Amino acid sequence: MCLHSSYNCQMETETITYELILETVRSWPKADQLRLVIEILEMVEAEITAKPTAKNTLDQAYGLLRKHSDEPAPTDEEVEQWLEEERWKKYGR
């Protein structure tokens, strides 16, 4: 795999190592080295900004379990009645 298209790369059959990459890049003109740095930074920035932020699901689960009011939890019958009322609103039955 050639690292820079405008140079004759002989690494096609060699194992590419970090040191080999550095040696190759050091042989490039400074403008090309800088362009490579910019491209790498843009690539990394795109990967970082594309990832959604991780949510702490454990804290969210605990939040759901915490008591938010002094009212008792609804009974199974109350929940079933609410569901039935919503079905009537949605489906008319």
N, C-alpha and C. Protein backbone atom coordinates (compact mmCIF):
# COMPACT_ATOMS: atom_id res chain seq x y z
N MET A 1 0.85 -1.17 0.00
CA MET A 1 0.00 0.00 0.00
C MET A 1 0.89 1.22 0.00
N CYS A 2 0.71 2.09 -0.95
CA CYS A 2 1.52 3.29 -1.07
C CYS A 2 0.91 4.40 -0.22
N LEU A 3 1.75 5.04 0.59
CA LEU A 3 1.24 6.07 1.47
C LEU A 3 1.03 7.40 0.78
N HIS A 4 1.73 7.66 -0.26
CA HIS A 4 1.60 8.94 -0.94
C HIS A 4 1.63 8.70 -2.43
N SER A 5 0.60 9.10 -3.12
CA SER A 5 0.43 8.74 -4.52
C SER A 5 1.45 9.38 -5.44
N SER A 6 2.05 10.51 -5.08
CA SER A 6 2.99 11.16 -5.99
C SER A 6 4.42 10.65 -5.84
N TYR A 7 4.64 9.69 -4.97
CA TYR A 7 5.98 9.15 -4.76
C TYR A 7 6.00 7.68 -5.16
N ASN A 8 7.18 7.23 -5.58
CA ASN A 8 7.34 5.84 -5.95
C ASN A 8 7.54 5.03 -4.67
N CYS A 9 6.52 4.31 -4.27
CA CYS A 9 6.59 3.56 -3.02
C CYS A 9 7.02 2.13 -3.29
N GLN A 10 7.98 1.68 -2.53
CA GLN A 10 8.43 0.31 -2.67
C GLN A 10 7.98 -0.53 -1.49
N MET A 11 7.01 -0.06 -0.72
CA MET A 11 6.55 -0.80 0.45
C MET A 11 5.43 -1.78 0.13
N GLU A 12 5.05 -1.88 -1.09
CA GLU A 12 3.93 -2.73 -1.46
C GLU A 12 4.06 -4.14 -0.86
N THR A 13 5.23 -4.71 -0.90
CA THR A 13 5.41 -6.08 -0.43
C THR A 13 5.98 -6.16 0.98
N GLU A 14 6.38 -5.00 1.55
CA GLU A 14 6.96 -4.97 2.89
C GLU A 14 5.87 -4.81 3.94
N THR A 15 6.18 -5.23 5.14
CA THR A 15 5.29 -4.97 6.24
C THR A 15 5.45 -3.51 6.63
N ILE A 16 4.34 -2.80 6.67
CA ILE A 16 4.41 -1.38 7.01
C ILE A 16 4.46 -1.25 8.53
N THR A 17 5.52 -0.63 9.01
CA THR A 17 5.67 -0.39 10.44
C THR A 17 5.61 1.11 10.69
N TYR A 18 5.41 1.46 11.93
CA TYR A 18 5.38 2.86 12.32
C TYR A 18 6.69 3.55 11.91
N GLU A 19 7.80 2.89 12.17
CA GLU A 19 9.10 3.47 11.84
C GLU A 19 9.27 3.66 10.33
N LEU A 20 8.78 2.70 9.56
CA LEU A 20 8.87 2.80 8.10
C LEU A 20 8.02 3.95 7.59
N ILE A 21 6.86 4.11 8.19
CA ILE A 21 5.99 5.23 7.80
C ILE A 21 6.69 6.55 8.10
N LEU A 22 7.24 6.67 9.32
CA LEU A 22 7.95 7.91 9.67
C LEU A 22 9.13 8.18 8.74
N GLU A 23 9.88 7.15 8.46
CA GLU A 23 11.03 7.31 7.55
C GLU A 23 10.57 7.79 6.18
N THR A 24 9.49 7.22 5.70
CA THR A 24 8.97 7.61 4.38
C THR A 24 8.48 9.04 4.40
N VAL A 25 7.70 9.39 5.42
CA VAL A 25 7.13 10.73 5.50
C VAL A 25 8.22 11.78 5.68
N ARG A 26 9.27 11.44 6.43
CA ARG A 26 10.38 12.38 6.62
C ARG A 26 11.09 12.70 5.30
N SER A 27 11.01 11.79 4.35
CA SER A 27 11.66 12.03 3.05
C SER A 27 10.83 12.95 2.14
N TRP A 28 9.60 13.21 2.52
CA TRP A 28 8.73 14.07 1.71
C TRP A 28 9.06 15.54 1.94
N PRO A 29 8.70 16.38 0.99
CA PRO A 29 8.82 17.83 1.22
C PRO A 29 7.94 18.25 2.39
N LYS A 30 8.34 19.31 3.08
CA LYS A 30 7.62 19.77 4.27
C LYS A 30 6.15 20.08 3.97
N ALA A 31 5.86 20.61 2.82
CA ALA A 31 4.47 20.94 2.47
C ALA A 31 3.61 19.67 2.42
N ASP A 32 4.17 18.59 1.90
CA ASP A 32 3.43 17.32 1.84
C ASP A 32 3.28 16.71 3.23
N GLN A 33 4.30 16.86 4.07
CA GLN A 33 4.19 16.37 5.44
C GLN A 33 3.06 17.11 6.17
N LEU A 34 3.02 18.41 6.00
CA LEU A 34 1.98 19.21 6.64
C LEU A 34 0.59 18.83 6.11
N ARG A 35 0.49 18.60 4.81
CA ARG A 35 -0.79 18.20 4.23
C ARG A 35 -1.25 16.86 4.81
N LEU A 36 -0.31 15.94 5.03
CA LEU A 36 -0.65 14.65 5.64
C LEU A 36 -1.14 14.85 7.08
N VAL A 37 -0.46 15.70 7.83
CA VAL A 37 -0.88 15.98 9.21
C VAL A 37 -2.30 16.53 9.21
N ILE A 38 -2.58 17.47 8.35
CA ILE A 38 -3.91 18.08 8.28
C ILE A 38 -4.97 17.03 7.93
N GLU A 39 -4.67 16.17 6.96
CA GLU A 39 -5.63 15.13 6.57
C GLU A 39 -5.89 14.16 7.72
N ILE A 40 -4.85 13.80 8.45
CA ILE A 40 -5.01 12.89 9.58
C ILE A 40 -5.86 13.55 10.67
N LEU A 41 -5.56 14.83 10.98
CA LEU A 41 -6.34 15.53 11.99
C LEU A 41 -7.81 15.65 11.59
N GLU A 42 -8.07 15.94 10.32
CA GLU A 42 -9.45 16.02 9.85
C GLU A 42 -10.15 14.67 9.96
N MET A 43 -9.43 13.61 9.64
CA MET A 43 -10.00 12.26 9.73
C MET A 43 -10.35 11.92 11.17
N VAL A 44 -9.43 12.21 12.09
CA VAL A 44 -9.66 11.91 13.50
C VAL A 44 -10.80 12.78 14.05
N GLU A 45 -10.81 14.05 13.67
CA GLU A 45 -11.88 14.94 14.13
C GLU A 45 -13.24 14.44 13.66
N ALA A 46 -13.33 13.99 12.41
CA ALA A 46 -14.59 13.49 11.88
C ALA A 46 -15.05 12.25 12.65
N GLU A 47 -14.12 11.39 13.01
CA GLU A 47 -14.47 10.19 13.78
C GLU A 47 -14.93 10.55 15.18
N ILE A 48 -14.27 11.51 15.79
CA ILE A 48 -14.62 11.90 17.16
C ILE A 48 -15.99 12.57 17.18
N THR A 49 -16.23 13.49 16.26
CA THR A 49 -17.49 14.22 16.28
C THR A 49 -18.66 13.37 15.79
N ALA A 50 -18.37 12.32 15.03
CA ALA A 50 -19.45 11.47 14.52
C ALA A 50 -19.99 10.51 15.57
N LYS A 51 -19.20 10.22 16.59
CA LYS A 51 -19.62 9.26 17.60
C LYS A 51 -20.60 9.92 18.57
N PRO A 52 -21.72 9.27 18.81
CA PRO A 52 -22.65 9.83 19.80
C PRO A 52 -22.04 9.74 21.19
N THR A 53 -22.42 10.68 22.01
CA THR A 53 -21.89 10.65 23.37
C THR A 53 -22.50 9.48 24.12
N ALA A 54 -21.69 8.86 24.92
CA ALA A 54 -22.14 7.72 25.70
C ALA A 54 -23.06 8.20 26.81
N LYS A 55 -24.12 7.47 27.03
CA LYS A 55 -25.05 7.80 28.11
C LYS A 55 -24.80 6.84 29.25
N ASN A 56 -24.92 7.36 30.43
CA ASN A 56 -24.74 6.53 31.60
C ASN A 56 -26.07 5.85 31.90
N THR A 57 -26.26 4.68 31.34
CA THR A 57 -27.55 4.00 31.46
C THR A 57 -27.81 3.52 32.87
N LEU A 58 -26.77 3.27 33.62
CA LEU A 58 -26.97 2.85 35.00
C LEU A 58 -27.61 3.98 35.81
N ASP A 59 -27.08 5.20 35.65
CA ASP A 59 -27.69 6.34 36.33
C ASP A 59 -29.12 6.56 35.87
N GLN A 60 -29.38 6.37 34.59
CA GLN A 60 -30.74 6.53 34.08
C GLN A 60 -31.66 5.49 34.69
N ALA A 61 -31.19 4.25 34.83
CA ALA A 61 -32.01 3.19 35.42
C ALA A 61 -32.30 3.50 36.88
N TYR A 62 -31.29 3.96 37.61
CA TYR A 62 -31.53 4.33 39.00
C TYR A 62 -32.53 5.48 39.09
N GLY A 63 -32.44 6.40 38.15
CA GLY A 63 -33.37 7.53 38.14
C GLY A 63 -34.80 7.07 37.96
N LEU A 64 -35.00 6.04 37.17
CA LEU A 64 -36.35 5.51 36.98
C LEU A 64 -36.86 4.83 38.23
N LEU A 65 -35.95 4.29 39.02
CA LEU A 65 -36.34 3.58 40.23
C LEU A 65 -36.57 4.50 41.43
N ARG A 66 -36.04 5.71 41.35
CA ARG A 66 -36.20 6.64 42.47
C ARG A 66 -37.65 7.08 42.59
N LYS A 67 -38.03 7.35 43.78
CA LYS A 67 -39.39 7.82 44.03
C LYS A 67 -39.43 9.31 43.71
N HIS A 68 -40.31 9.72 42.77
CA HIS A 68 -40.39 11.10 42.34
C HIS A 68 -41.53 11.86 43.00
N SER A 69 -42.40 11.17 43.68
CA SER A 69 -43.51 11.84 44.35
C SER A 69 -43.94 11.03 45.56
N ASP A 70 -44.84 11.61 46.30
CA ASP A 70 -45.35 10.92 47.48
C ASP A 70 -46.53 10.01 47.14
N GLU A 71 -46.98 10.05 45.91
CA GLU A 71 -48.11 9.22 45.50
C GLU A 71 -47.67 7.77 45.35
N PRO A 72 -48.53 6.84 45.68
CA PRO A 72 -48.17 5.43 45.48
C PRO A 72 -48.17 5.09 43.99
N ALA A 73 -47.46 4.07 43.65
CA ALA A 73 -47.42 3.61 42.26
C ALA A 73 -48.82 3.15 41.85
N PRO A 74 -49.17 3.31 40.57
CA PRO A 74 -50.50 2.88 40.14
C PRO A 74 -50.64 1.36 40.26
N THR A 75 -51.85 0.93 40.49
CA THR A 75 -52.11 -0.50 40.58
C THR A 75 -52.17 -1.09 39.18
N ASP A 76 -52.11 -2.39 39.09
CA ASP A 76 -52.22 -3.07 37.80
C ASP A 76 -53.55 -2.73 37.14
N GLU A 77 -54.61 -2.64 37.96
CA GLU A 77 -55.93 -2.34 37.42
C GLU A 77 -55.95 -0.93 36.82
N GLU A 78 -55.32 0.04 37.49
CA GLU A 78 -55.29 1.41 36.97
C GLU A 78 -54.52 1.47 35.65
N VAL A 79 -53.40 0.79 35.60
CA VAL A 79 -52.60 0.78 34.38
C VAL A 79 -53.40 0.13 33.25
N GLU A 80 -54.06 -0.96 33.53
CA GLU A 80 -54.86 -1.63 32.51
C GLU A 80 -55.99 -0.72 32.02
N GLN A 81 -56.59 0.03 32.93
CA GLN A 81 -57.66 0.96 32.54
C GLN A 81 -57.09 2.06 31.65
N TRP A 82 -55.92 2.59 31.99
CA TRP A 82 -55.31 3.62 31.16
C TRP A 82 -55.00 3.08 29.76
N LEU A 83 -54.46 1.88 29.72
CA LEU A 83 -54.16 1.27 28.41
C LEU A 83 -55.42 1.09 27.59
N GLU A 84 -56.48 0.63 28.24
CA GLU A 84 -57.76 0.43 27.53
C GLU A 84 -58.29 1.76 27.01
N GLU A 85 -58.19 2.82 27.81
CA GLU A 85 -58.65 4.13 27.37
C GLU A 85 -57.85 4.62 26.16
N GLU A 86 -56.55 4.39 26.20
CA GLU A 86 -55.71 4.79 25.07
C GLU A 86 -56.01 3.98 23.82
N ARG A 87 -56.31 2.70 24.00
CA ARG A 87 -56.70 1.87 22.84
C ARG A 87 -57.99 2.40 22.22
N TRP A 88 -58.95 2.80 23.06
CA TRP A 88 -60.21 3.35 22.56
C TRP A 88 -59.95 4.62 21.75
N LYS A 89 -59.05 5.47 22.28
CA LYS A 89 -58.72 6.71 21.57
C LYS A 89 -58.06 6.41 20.22
N LYS A 90 -57.18 5.44 20.24
CA LYS A 90 -56.41 5.14 19.02
C LYS A 90 -57.17 4.30 18.01
N TYR A 91 -57.85 3.25 18.51
CA TYR A 91 -58.48 2.29 17.60
C TYR A 91 -59.99 2.33 17.63
N GLY A 92 -60.59 3.03 18.59
CA GLY A 92 -62.04 3.10 18.68
C GLY A 92 -62.67 1.82 19.15
N ARG A 93 -61.98 1.02 19.91
CA ARG A 93 -62.57 -0.21 20.43
C ARG A 93 -62.13 -0.45 21.84
